[in-house]
N, C-alpha and C. Protein backbone atom coordinates (compact mmCIF):
# COMPACT_ATOMS: atom_id res chain seq x y z
N UNK A 1 -39.84 -155.41 101.26
CA UNK A 1 -40.48 -154.12 101.31
C UNK A 1 -39.67 -153.14 102.16
N UNK A 2 -38.46 -153.53 102.47
CA UNK A 2 -37.59 -152.62 103.21
C UNK A 2 -36.94 -151.63 102.25
N UNK A 3 -35.99 -150.91 102.76
CA UNK A 3 -35.29 -149.95 101.92
C UNK A 3 -35.92 -148.58 102.00
N UNK A 4 -35.39 -147.67 101.19
CA UNK A 4 -35.90 -146.29 101.24
C UNK A 4 -37.35 -146.21 100.75
N UNK A 5 -38.11 -145.40 101.42
CA UNK A 5 -39.50 -145.22 101.06
C UNK A 5 -39.72 -143.77 100.62
N UNK A 6 -39.12 -143.43 99.48
CA UNK A 6 -39.29 -142.09 98.93
C UNK A 6 -39.16 -142.18 97.41
N UNK A 7 -39.18 -141.04 96.76
CA UNK A 7 -39.02 -140.98 95.32
C UNK A 7 -40.26 -141.43 94.57
N UNK A 8 -40.07 -141.98 93.36
CA UNK A 8 -41.21 -142.34 92.51
C UNK A 8 -42.08 -143.45 93.11
N UNK A 9 -41.48 -144.35 93.87
CA UNK A 9 -42.29 -145.41 94.50
C UNK A 9 -43.28 -144.81 95.49
N UNK A 10 -42.81 -143.83 96.25
CA UNK A 10 -43.69 -143.17 97.20
C UNK A 10 -44.82 -142.44 96.48
N UNK A 11 -44.51 -141.81 95.36
CA UNK A 11 -45.54 -141.09 94.61
C UNK A 11 -46.62 -142.06 94.11
N UNK A 12 -46.21 -143.18 93.55
CA UNK A 12 -47.17 -144.17 93.05
C UNK A 12 -47.98 -144.76 94.20
N UNK A 13 -47.30 -145.11 95.27
CA UNK A 13 -48.01 -145.70 96.42
C UNK A 13 -48.98 -144.71 97.04
N UNK A 14 -48.61 -143.43 97.06
CA UNK A 14 -49.48 -142.40 97.63
C UNK A 14 -50.73 -142.21 96.77
N UNK A 15 -50.58 -142.19 95.47
CA UNK A 15 -51.74 -142.07 94.57
C UNK A 15 -52.65 -143.27 94.74
N UNK A 16 -52.09 -144.46 94.81
CA UNK A 16 -52.92 -145.66 94.98
C UNK A 16 -53.59 -145.66 96.35
N UNK A 17 -52.90 -145.20 97.38
CA UNK A 17 -53.50 -145.10 98.71
C UNK A 17 -54.69 -144.14 98.68
N UNK A 18 -54.51 -143.01 98.02
CA UNK A 18 -55.58 -142.02 97.88
C UNK A 18 -56.76 -142.61 97.11
N UNK A 19 -56.45 -143.29 96.01
CA UNK A 19 -57.51 -143.84 95.17
C UNK A 19 -58.31 -144.92 95.88
N UNK A 20 -57.65 -145.72 96.68
CA UNK A 20 -58.35 -146.81 97.38
C UNK A 20 -59.06 -146.38 98.64
N UNK A 21 -58.83 -145.16 99.09
CA UNK A 21 -59.45 -144.67 100.31
C UNK A 21 -60.78 -143.98 100.04
N UNK A 22 -61.25 -143.25 101.03
CA UNK A 22 -62.55 -142.58 100.91
C UNK A 22 -62.66 -141.64 99.71
N UNK A 23 -61.58 -140.95 99.36
CA UNK A 23 -61.63 -140.04 98.22
C UNK A 23 -61.88 -140.82 96.92
N UNK A 24 -61.39 -142.05 96.87
CA UNK A 24 -61.59 -142.89 95.70
C UNK A 24 -63.03 -143.33 95.50
N UNK A 25 -63.89 -143.06 96.46
CA UNK A 25 -65.31 -143.39 96.31
C UNK A 25 -66.01 -142.48 95.32
N UNK A 26 -65.34 -141.43 94.88
CA UNK A 26 -65.94 -140.49 93.92
C UNK A 26 -66.29 -141.20 92.61
N UNK A 27 -65.43 -142.08 92.15
CA UNK A 27 -65.68 -142.77 90.87
C UNK A 27 -66.95 -143.63 90.92
N UNK A 28 -67.10 -144.54 91.89
CA UNK A 28 -68.33 -145.32 91.92
C UNK A 28 -69.57 -144.47 92.20
N UNK A 29 -69.44 -143.43 93.02
CA UNK A 29 -70.59 -142.55 93.28
C UNK A 29 -71.00 -141.80 92.02
N UNK A 30 -70.02 -141.33 91.26
CA UNK A 30 -70.33 -140.65 90.00
C UNK A 30 -71.02 -141.60 89.04
N UNK A 31 -70.52 -142.82 88.96
CA UNK A 31 -71.15 -143.81 88.10
C UNK A 31 -72.57 -144.11 88.57
N UNK A 32 -72.78 -144.19 89.88
CA UNK A 32 -74.11 -144.43 90.41
C UNK A 32 -75.07 -143.31 90.00
N UNK A 33 -74.65 -142.05 90.15
CA UNK A 33 -75.50 -140.93 89.77
C UNK A 33 -75.79 -140.94 88.27
N UNK A 34 -74.81 -141.28 87.46
CA UNK A 34 -75.02 -141.38 86.01
C UNK A 34 -76.05 -142.46 85.69
N UNK A 35 -75.92 -143.62 86.33
CA UNK A 35 -76.86 -144.71 86.09
C UNK A 35 -78.28 -144.32 86.52
N UNK A 36 -78.40 -143.66 87.66
CA UNK A 36 -79.71 -143.21 88.12
C UNK A 36 -80.29 -142.16 87.18
N UNK A 37 -79.47 -141.24 86.72
CA UNK A 37 -79.92 -140.21 85.79
C UNK A 37 -80.42 -140.84 84.49
N UNK A 38 -79.74 -141.88 84.03
CA UNK A 38 -80.14 -142.55 82.78
C UNK A 38 -81.21 -143.61 83.00
N UNK A 39 -81.68 -143.70 84.24
CA UNK A 39 -82.75 -144.64 84.62
C UNK A 39 -82.37 -146.10 84.35
N UNK A 40 -81.14 -146.40 84.61
CA UNK A 40 -80.66 -147.78 84.51
C UNK A 40 -80.70 -148.37 85.91
N UNK A 41 -81.92 -148.71 86.33
CA UNK A 41 -82.18 -149.13 87.70
C UNK A 41 -81.46 -150.43 88.05
N UNK A 42 -81.46 -151.40 87.17
CA UNK A 42 -80.79 -152.67 87.46
C UNK A 42 -79.29 -152.46 87.61
N UNK A 43 -78.70 -151.64 86.75
CA UNK A 43 -77.27 -151.36 86.83
C UNK A 43 -76.93 -150.62 88.12
N UNK A 44 -77.77 -149.65 88.49
CA UNK A 44 -77.55 -148.92 89.75
C UNK A 44 -77.69 -149.86 90.94
N UNK A 45 -78.67 -150.75 90.90
CA UNK A 45 -78.84 -151.73 91.97
C UNK A 45 -77.65 -152.67 92.08
N UNK A 46 -77.14 -153.09 90.92
CA UNK A 46 -75.96 -153.95 90.89
C UNK A 46 -74.77 -153.24 91.52
N UNK A 47 -74.54 -151.99 91.13
CA UNK A 47 -73.43 -151.22 91.68
C UNK A 47 -73.55 -151.07 93.19
N UNK A 48 -74.73 -150.70 93.66
CA UNK A 48 -74.94 -150.54 95.11
C UNK A 48 -74.76 -151.86 95.84
N UNK A 49 -75.36 -152.92 95.33
CA UNK A 49 -75.26 -154.23 95.99
C UNK A 49 -73.82 -154.72 96.03
N UNK A 50 -73.09 -154.52 94.94
CA UNK A 50 -71.69 -154.98 94.90
C UNK A 50 -70.84 -154.21 95.90
N UNK A 51 -70.99 -152.88 95.92
CA UNK A 51 -70.17 -152.08 96.82
C UNK A 51 -70.57 -152.24 98.27
N UNK A 52 -71.86 -152.21 98.54
CA UNK A 52 -72.28 -152.37 99.94
C UNK A 52 -72.01 -153.79 100.42
N UNK A 53 -72.34 -154.76 99.60
CA UNK A 53 -72.10 -156.15 99.99
C UNK A 53 -70.63 -156.48 100.08
N UNK A 54 -69.88 -156.03 99.08
CA UNK A 54 -68.45 -156.34 99.06
C UNK A 54 -67.67 -155.64 100.14
N UNK A 55 -67.89 -154.34 100.27
CA UNK A 55 -67.10 -153.56 101.24
C UNK A 55 -67.63 -153.66 102.66
N UNK A 56 -68.92 -153.45 102.82
CA UNK A 56 -69.47 -153.39 104.18
C UNK A 56 -69.61 -154.78 104.80
N UNK A 57 -70.20 -155.70 104.07
CA UNK A 57 -70.45 -157.02 104.65
C UNK A 57 -69.20 -157.90 104.63
N UNK A 58 -68.62 -158.09 103.46
CA UNK A 58 -67.51 -159.04 103.34
C UNK A 58 -66.24 -158.50 103.98
N UNK A 59 -65.76 -157.35 103.52
CA UNK A 59 -64.46 -156.85 103.99
C UNK A 59 -64.52 -156.43 105.45
N UNK A 60 -65.48 -155.56 105.80
CA UNK A 60 -65.55 -155.12 107.19
C UNK A 60 -65.93 -156.27 108.12
N UNK A 61 -66.77 -157.17 107.65
CA UNK A 61 -67.11 -158.35 108.45
C UNK A 61 -65.89 -159.19 108.75
N UNK A 62 -65.06 -159.44 107.73
CA UNK A 62 -63.83 -160.21 107.95
C UNK A 62 -62.85 -159.47 108.84
N UNK A 63 -62.73 -158.15 108.66
CA UNK A 63 -61.82 -157.38 109.52
C UNK A 63 -62.20 -157.52 110.99
N UNK A 64 -63.50 -157.43 111.29
CA UNK A 64 -63.95 -157.54 112.68
C UNK A 64 -63.84 -158.97 113.19
N UNK A 65 -64.06 -159.94 112.33
CA UNK A 65 -63.99 -161.34 112.73
C UNK A 65 -62.55 -161.78 112.99
N UNK A 66 -61.63 -161.43 112.10
CA UNK A 66 -60.24 -161.88 112.22
C UNK A 66 -59.44 -160.97 113.16
N UNK A 67 -59.60 -159.66 113.03
CA UNK A 67 -58.91 -158.67 113.87
C UNK A 67 -57.40 -158.90 113.93
N UNK A 68 -56.80 -159.07 112.77
CA UNK A 68 -55.36 -159.29 112.68
C UNK A 68 -54.60 -157.97 112.83
N UNK A 69 -53.54 -157.95 113.63
CA UNK A 69 -52.75 -156.72 113.78
C UNK A 69 -52.02 -156.37 112.48
N UNK A 70 -51.81 -155.10 112.27
CA UNK A 70 -51.11 -154.62 111.08
C UNK A 70 -49.60 -154.69 111.29
N UNK A 71 -48.83 -154.59 110.20
CA UNK A 71 -47.38 -154.51 110.34
C UNK A 71 -47.00 -153.26 111.16
N UNK A 72 -45.83 -153.32 111.74
CA UNK A 72 -45.37 -152.20 112.56
C UNK A 72 -45.06 -150.98 111.70
N UNK A 73 -45.32 -149.82 112.22
CA UNK A 73 -44.97 -148.54 111.61
C UNK A 73 -45.49 -148.36 110.18
N UNK A 74 -46.81 -148.40 109.98
CA UNK A 74 -47.33 -148.13 108.63
C UNK A 74 -47.01 -146.69 108.22
N UNK A 75 -46.80 -146.48 106.94
CA UNK A 75 -46.43 -145.17 106.44
C UNK A 75 -47.63 -144.30 106.10
N UNK A 76 -48.83 -144.84 106.27
CA UNK A 76 -50.06 -144.10 106.02
C UNK A 76 -51.00 -144.35 107.19
N UNK A 77 -52.02 -143.51 107.28
CA UNK A 77 -53.02 -143.69 108.33
C UNK A 77 -53.87 -144.92 108.01
N UNK A 78 -54.09 -145.76 109.01
CA UNK A 78 -54.84 -146.99 108.81
C UNK A 78 -55.91 -147.12 109.90
N UNK A 79 -56.89 -147.96 109.61
CA UNK A 79 -57.92 -148.23 110.61
C UNK A 79 -57.60 -149.55 111.32
N UNK A 80 -58.57 -150.12 111.98
CA UNK A 80 -58.36 -151.38 112.70
C UNK A 80 -58.21 -152.54 111.72
N UNK A 81 -57.63 -153.59 112.17
CA UNK A 81 -57.60 -154.85 111.44
C UNK A 81 -56.89 -154.81 110.10
N UNK A 82 -55.98 -155.72 109.95
CA UNK A 82 -55.19 -155.78 108.73
C UNK A 82 -55.79 -156.72 107.70
N UNK A 83 -56.52 -157.74 108.13
CA UNK A 83 -57.01 -158.78 107.23
C UNK A 83 -58.50 -158.64 107.02
N UNK A 84 -58.92 -158.56 105.77
CA UNK A 84 -58.22 -158.41 104.49
C UNK A 84 -58.04 -156.94 104.15
N UNK A 85 -57.29 -156.69 103.10
CA UNK A 85 -57.04 -155.31 102.67
C UNK A 85 -58.27 -154.74 101.98
N UNK A 86 -58.81 -153.68 102.54
CA UNK A 86 -59.95 -153.01 101.92
C UNK A 86 -59.57 -152.31 100.63
N UNK A 87 -58.35 -151.77 100.56
CA UNK A 87 -57.90 -151.12 99.33
C UNK A 87 -57.80 -152.12 98.18
N UNK A 88 -57.19 -153.28 98.44
CA UNK A 88 -57.08 -154.30 97.39
C UNK A 88 -58.46 -154.82 97.00
N UNK A 89 -59.34 -154.98 97.98
CA UNK A 89 -60.70 -155.45 97.69
C UNK A 89 -61.45 -154.44 96.83
N UNK A 90 -61.33 -153.16 97.18
CA UNK A 90 -62.01 -152.12 96.42
C UNK A 90 -61.49 -152.04 94.99
N UNK A 91 -60.18 -152.20 94.82
CA UNK A 91 -59.60 -152.19 93.48
C UNK A 91 -60.16 -153.33 92.64
N UNK A 92 -60.15 -154.54 93.18
CA UNK A 92 -60.65 -155.69 92.43
C UNK A 92 -62.15 -155.57 92.17
N UNK A 93 -62.89 -155.07 93.16
CA UNK A 93 -64.33 -154.89 93.01
C UNK A 93 -64.63 -153.86 91.92
N UNK A 94 -63.88 -152.77 91.90
CA UNK A 94 -64.06 -151.74 90.88
C UNK A 94 -63.80 -152.31 89.49
N UNK A 95 -62.79 -153.12 89.35
CA UNK A 95 -62.47 -153.72 88.06
C UNK A 95 -63.64 -154.58 87.58
N UNK A 96 -64.21 -155.39 88.45
CA UNK A 96 -65.32 -156.26 88.06
C UNK A 96 -66.56 -155.44 87.73
N UNK A 97 -66.92 -154.49 88.59
CA UNK A 97 -68.14 -153.70 88.36
C UNK A 97 -68.02 -152.87 87.09
N UNK A 98 -66.90 -152.19 86.90
CA UNK A 98 -66.72 -151.38 85.70
C UNK A 98 -66.70 -152.27 84.46
N UNK A 99 -66.08 -153.43 84.56
CA UNK A 99 -66.08 -154.36 83.43
C UNK A 99 -67.46 -154.82 83.06
N UNK A 100 -68.28 -155.08 84.07
CA UNK A 100 -69.65 -155.54 83.81
C UNK A 100 -70.52 -154.44 83.24
N UNK A 101 -70.36 -153.21 83.72
CA UNK A 101 -71.28 -152.13 83.34
C UNK A 101 -70.81 -151.28 82.17
N UNK A 102 -69.51 -151.12 82.00
CA UNK A 102 -69.01 -150.15 81.04
C UNK A 102 -68.26 -150.73 79.85
N UNK A 103 -67.77 -151.94 79.97
CA UNK A 103 -66.90 -152.50 78.94
C UNK A 103 -67.69 -153.51 78.09
N UNK A 104 -67.74 -153.30 76.78
CA UNK A 104 -68.43 -154.27 75.92
C UNK A 104 -67.78 -155.65 76.04
N UNK A 105 -68.58 -156.68 75.91
CA UNK A 105 -68.10 -158.06 76.08
C UNK A 105 -66.91 -158.36 75.18
N UNK A 106 -66.89 -157.82 73.98
CA UNK A 106 -65.80 -158.10 73.04
C UNK A 106 -64.47 -157.52 73.50
N UNK A 107 -64.49 -156.54 74.40
CA UNK A 107 -63.25 -155.89 74.85
C UNK A 107 -62.88 -156.23 76.28
N UNK A 108 -63.60 -157.15 76.87
CA UNK A 108 -63.36 -157.43 78.29
C UNK A 108 -62.04 -158.13 78.57
N UNK A 109 -61.54 -158.93 77.65
CA UNK A 109 -60.27 -159.62 77.91
C UNK A 109 -59.17 -158.61 78.21
N UNK A 110 -59.04 -157.59 77.39
CA UNK A 110 -58.03 -156.56 77.64
C UNK A 110 -58.32 -155.84 78.96
N UNK A 111 -59.60 -155.60 79.25
CA UNK A 111 -59.98 -154.95 80.51
C UNK A 111 -59.53 -155.79 81.70
N UNK A 112 -59.74 -157.11 81.64
CA UNK A 112 -59.36 -157.97 82.77
C UNK A 112 -57.84 -157.94 82.98
N UNK A 113 -57.07 -157.92 81.89
CA UNK A 113 -55.61 -157.85 82.04
C UNK A 113 -55.20 -156.52 82.69
N UNK A 114 -55.74 -155.43 82.19
CA UNK A 114 -55.43 -154.12 82.78
C UNK A 114 -55.90 -154.04 84.23
N UNK A 115 -57.07 -154.60 84.50
CA UNK A 115 -57.60 -154.61 85.87
C UNK A 115 -56.73 -155.44 86.81
N UNK A 116 -56.19 -156.54 86.30
CA UNK A 116 -55.30 -157.36 87.12
C UNK A 116 -54.03 -156.58 87.46
N UNK A 117 -53.50 -155.85 86.49
CA UNK A 117 -52.30 -155.03 86.75
C UNK A 117 -52.61 -153.95 87.78
N UNK A 118 -53.77 -153.29 87.64
CA UNK A 118 -54.17 -152.27 88.61
C UNK A 118 -54.31 -152.86 90.01
N UNK A 119 -54.95 -154.02 90.12
CA UNK A 119 -55.15 -154.66 91.43
C UNK A 119 -53.81 -155.09 92.02
N UNK A 120 -52.93 -155.64 91.20
CA UNK A 120 -51.59 -156.02 91.69
C UNK A 120 -50.81 -154.79 92.16
N UNK A 121 -50.94 -153.68 91.45
CA UNK A 121 -50.27 -152.45 91.87
C UNK A 121 -50.81 -151.99 93.23
N UNK A 122 -52.12 -152.10 93.42
CA UNK A 122 -52.71 -151.72 94.71
C UNK A 122 -52.19 -152.65 95.81
N UNK A 123 -52.11 -153.94 95.52
CA UNK A 123 -51.59 -154.90 96.50
C UNK A 123 -50.15 -154.56 96.87
N UNK A 124 -49.33 -154.25 95.85
CA UNK A 124 -47.95 -153.86 96.11
C UNK A 124 -47.90 -152.63 97.00
N UNK A 125 -48.70 -151.60 96.67
CA UNK A 125 -48.62 -150.35 97.42
C UNK A 125 -49.01 -150.54 98.88
N UNK A 126 -50.02 -151.34 99.15
CA UNK A 126 -50.45 -151.55 100.53
C UNK A 126 -49.39 -152.30 101.33
N UNK A 127 -48.70 -153.21 100.68
CA UNK A 127 -47.63 -153.94 101.36
C UNK A 127 -46.40 -153.03 101.51
N UNK A 128 -46.07 -152.30 100.47
CA UNK A 128 -44.91 -151.41 100.48
C UNK A 128 -45.05 -150.31 101.53
N UNK A 129 -46.28 -149.85 101.74
CA UNK A 129 -46.54 -148.81 102.73
C UNK A 129 -46.64 -149.37 104.16
N UNK A 130 -46.42 -150.67 104.31
CA UNK A 130 -46.50 -151.35 105.61
C UNK A 130 -47.89 -151.26 106.21
N UNK A 131 -48.89 -151.12 105.37
CA UNK A 131 -50.27 -151.05 105.85
C UNK A 131 -50.87 -152.45 105.97
N UNK A 132 -50.32 -153.41 105.23
CA UNK A 132 -50.85 -154.78 105.23
C UNK A 132 -49.73 -155.79 105.03
N UNK A 133 -50.01 -156.99 105.43
CA UNK A 133 -49.18 -158.13 105.08
C UNK A 133 -49.59 -158.56 103.67
N UNK A 134 -48.71 -159.23 102.96
CA UNK A 134 -49.02 -159.67 101.60
C UNK A 134 -50.28 -160.54 101.58
N UNK A 135 -50.44 -161.42 102.55
CA UNK A 135 -51.62 -162.29 102.59
C UNK A 135 -52.90 -161.48 102.76
N UNK A 136 -52.83 -160.34 103.42
CA UNK A 136 -54.00 -159.46 103.56
C UNK A 136 -54.44 -158.94 102.20
N UNK A 137 -53.46 -158.55 101.38
CA UNK A 137 -53.79 -157.98 100.08
C UNK A 137 -54.32 -159.05 99.13
N UNK A 138 -53.76 -160.25 99.20
CA UNK A 138 -54.26 -161.35 98.36
C UNK A 138 -55.70 -161.67 98.75
N UNK A 139 -55.95 -161.78 100.04
CA UNK A 139 -57.32 -162.07 100.51
C UNK A 139 -58.27 -160.95 100.13
N UNK A 140 -57.83 -159.71 100.23
CA UNK A 140 -58.68 -158.58 99.86
C UNK A 140 -59.04 -158.60 98.39
N UNK A 141 -58.05 -158.85 97.53
CA UNK A 141 -58.30 -158.89 96.09
C UNK A 141 -59.26 -160.03 95.74
N UNK A 142 -59.05 -161.18 96.34
CA UNK A 142 -59.94 -162.33 96.07
C UNK A 142 -61.35 -162.04 96.58
N UNK A 143 -61.45 -161.47 97.78
CA UNK A 143 -62.77 -161.16 98.34
C UNK A 143 -63.49 -160.10 97.51
N UNK A 144 -62.79 -159.07 97.09
CA UNK A 144 -63.40 -158.01 96.29
C UNK A 144 -63.87 -158.52 94.93
N UNK A 145 -62.98 -159.25 94.25
CA UNK A 145 -63.36 -159.80 92.95
C UNK A 145 -64.49 -160.82 93.11
N UNK A 146 -64.39 -161.64 94.14
CA UNK A 146 -65.44 -162.65 94.37
C UNK A 146 -66.80 -162.02 94.65
N UNK A 147 -66.81 -160.97 95.48
CA UNK A 147 -68.08 -160.28 95.77
C UNK A 147 -68.65 -159.65 94.51
N UNK A 148 -67.78 -159.04 93.70
CA UNK A 148 -68.24 -158.44 92.45
C UNK A 148 -68.77 -159.47 91.48
N UNK A 149 -68.07 -160.58 91.33
CA UNK A 149 -68.50 -161.63 90.40
C UNK A 149 -69.80 -162.28 90.87
N UNK A 150 -69.91 -162.54 92.16
CA UNK A 150 -71.14 -163.14 92.68
C UNK A 150 -72.32 -162.20 92.48
N UNK A 151 -72.14 -160.92 92.75
CA UNK A 151 -73.21 -159.95 92.56
C UNK A 151 -73.56 -159.82 91.08
N UNK A 152 -72.57 -159.84 90.21
CA UNK A 152 -72.82 -159.79 88.76
C UNK A 152 -73.65 -160.99 88.33
N UNK A 153 -73.29 -162.15 88.82
CA UNK A 153 -74.03 -163.37 88.49
C UNK A 153 -75.49 -163.26 88.96
N UNK A 154 -75.69 -162.74 90.17
CA UNK A 154 -77.05 -162.60 90.69
C UNK A 154 -77.86 -161.58 89.89
N UNK A 155 -77.23 -160.51 89.43
CA UNK A 155 -77.92 -159.45 88.70
C UNK A 155 -77.94 -159.67 87.19
N UNK A 156 -77.28 -160.71 86.70
CA UNK A 156 -77.16 -160.89 85.25
C UNK A 156 -78.50 -160.91 84.52
N UNK A 157 -79.53 -161.63 84.99
CA UNK A 157 -80.81 -161.59 84.27
C UNK A 157 -81.39 -160.17 84.18
N UNK A 158 -81.35 -159.43 85.26
CA UNK A 158 -81.89 -158.06 85.26
C UNK A 158 -81.04 -157.14 84.37
N UNK A 159 -79.72 -157.30 84.41
CA UNK A 159 -78.85 -156.48 83.56
C UNK A 159 -79.07 -156.78 82.09
N UNK A 160 -79.29 -158.04 81.76
CA UNK A 160 -79.57 -158.42 80.37
C UNK A 160 -80.89 -157.81 79.90
N UNK A 161 -81.93 -157.91 80.72
CA UNK A 161 -83.22 -157.30 80.35
C UNK A 161 -83.08 -155.79 80.18
N UNK A 162 -82.35 -155.15 81.06
CA UNK A 162 -82.14 -153.71 80.98
C UNK A 162 -81.38 -153.35 79.70
N UNK A 163 -80.40 -154.14 79.34
CA UNK A 163 -79.63 -153.89 78.12
C UNK A 163 -80.48 -154.03 76.87
N UNK A 164 -81.37 -155.01 76.85
CA UNK A 164 -82.26 -155.21 75.71
C UNK A 164 -83.23 -154.04 75.59
N UNK A 165 -83.81 -153.61 76.71
CA UNK A 165 -84.74 -152.47 76.69
C UNK A 165 -84.02 -151.21 76.22
N UNK A 166 -82.82 -150.99 76.70
CA UNK A 166 -82.04 -149.81 76.31
C UNK A 166 -81.74 -149.85 74.82
N UNK A 167 -81.38 -151.00 74.31
CA UNK A 167 -81.09 -151.15 72.88
C UNK A 167 -82.34 -150.92 72.05
N UNK A 168 -83.49 -151.43 72.53
CA UNK A 168 -84.75 -151.23 71.81
C UNK A 168 -85.13 -149.76 71.77
N UNK A 169 -84.93 -149.03 72.87
CA UNK A 169 -85.25 -147.60 72.91
C UNK A 169 -84.36 -146.81 71.96
N UNK A 170 -83.08 -147.14 71.92
CA UNK A 170 -82.17 -146.44 71.01
C UNK A 170 -82.54 -146.71 69.57
N UNK A 171 -82.90 -147.95 69.28
CA UNK A 171 -83.30 -148.30 67.91
C UNK A 171 -84.57 -147.58 67.49
N UNK A 172 -85.54 -147.51 68.37
CA UNK A 172 -86.79 -146.83 68.07
C UNK A 172 -86.56 -145.34 67.90
N UNK A 173 -85.69 -144.75 68.71
CA UNK A 173 -85.41 -143.33 68.61
C UNK A 173 -84.71 -142.99 67.31
N UNK A 174 -83.95 -143.94 66.76
CA UNK A 174 -83.23 -143.72 65.50
C UNK A 174 -84.08 -144.06 64.29
N UNK A 175 -85.32 -144.46 64.50
CA UNK A 175 -86.20 -144.81 63.39
C UNK A 175 -86.01 -146.21 62.89
N UNK A 176 -85.39 -147.06 63.69
CA UNK A 176 -85.16 -148.43 63.28
C UNK A 176 -86.16 -149.36 63.95
N UNK A 177 -87.34 -148.89 64.16
CA UNK A 177 -88.37 -149.72 64.79
C UNK A 177 -88.84 -150.80 63.85
N UNK A 178 -89.80 -151.62 64.28
CA UNK A 178 -90.31 -152.69 63.43
C UNK A 178 -90.88 -152.12 62.13
N UNK A 179 -90.53 -152.74 61.05
CA UNK A 179 -91.05 -152.34 59.75
C UNK A 179 -90.26 -151.24 59.09
N UNK A 180 -89.27 -150.69 59.75
CA UNK A 180 -88.50 -149.59 59.19
C UNK A 180 -87.71 -150.03 57.96
N UNK A 181 -87.28 -151.27 57.91
CA UNK A 181 -86.49 -151.74 56.79
C UNK A 181 -87.34 -151.90 55.52
N UNK A 182 -88.67 -152.06 55.67
CA UNK A 182 -89.53 -152.27 54.51
C UNK A 182 -89.91 -150.96 53.83
N UNK A 183 -89.64 -149.84 54.45
CA UNK A 183 -89.98 -148.55 53.85
C UNK A 183 -88.90 -148.14 52.87
N UNK A 184 -89.27 -147.89 51.61
CA UNK A 184 -88.25 -147.50 50.65
C UNK A 184 -87.62 -146.16 51.01
N UNK A 185 -86.36 -145.98 50.63
CA UNK A 185 -85.63 -144.77 50.93
C UNK A 185 -85.83 -143.74 49.84
N UNK A 186 -86.58 -142.75 50.12
CA UNK A 186 -86.80 -141.60 49.23
C UNK A 186 -87.47 -141.99 47.93
N UNK A 187 -88.05 -141.74 47.13
CA UNK A 187 -88.48 -142.34 45.92
C UNK A 187 -89.20 -141.62 45.03
């Protein structure tokens, strides 16, 4: 991770640093407001539980427990504790939550591959910027994905019920309610 720290690498690392920081919270907050507006209570609860549990409890808890020093001379502003990387955790957590809530099951394989590339890019940027050791970013990605997957597993029954109710409402609104197929078309 030595060498010049400018040019296109700096641009990519800066965008990823911005996205993983407080400004990057706009995406999950926007999704939360959309879910609340659409009255998808289980999905909104899943999003809140994953982010609060993953970021506040797991990541910040580990940072305070381990209190590992950061590499010397980080190129960006950092907070206390290097282990685990909150940026890598947030990236992996976002991939899991968005995959669970927004990506149809038939398309998730491609989503997971793209999400892995995004998370690896975040891990690279945090190490390249001297904000974390490589082991910090690996632990952050594992912790973020693990928190997201565990929360998804816990919320799966509620998310499934919510999906069925949503599908039933759309079908009824389109006139595809029970008995609709038995009505002749025009005649």
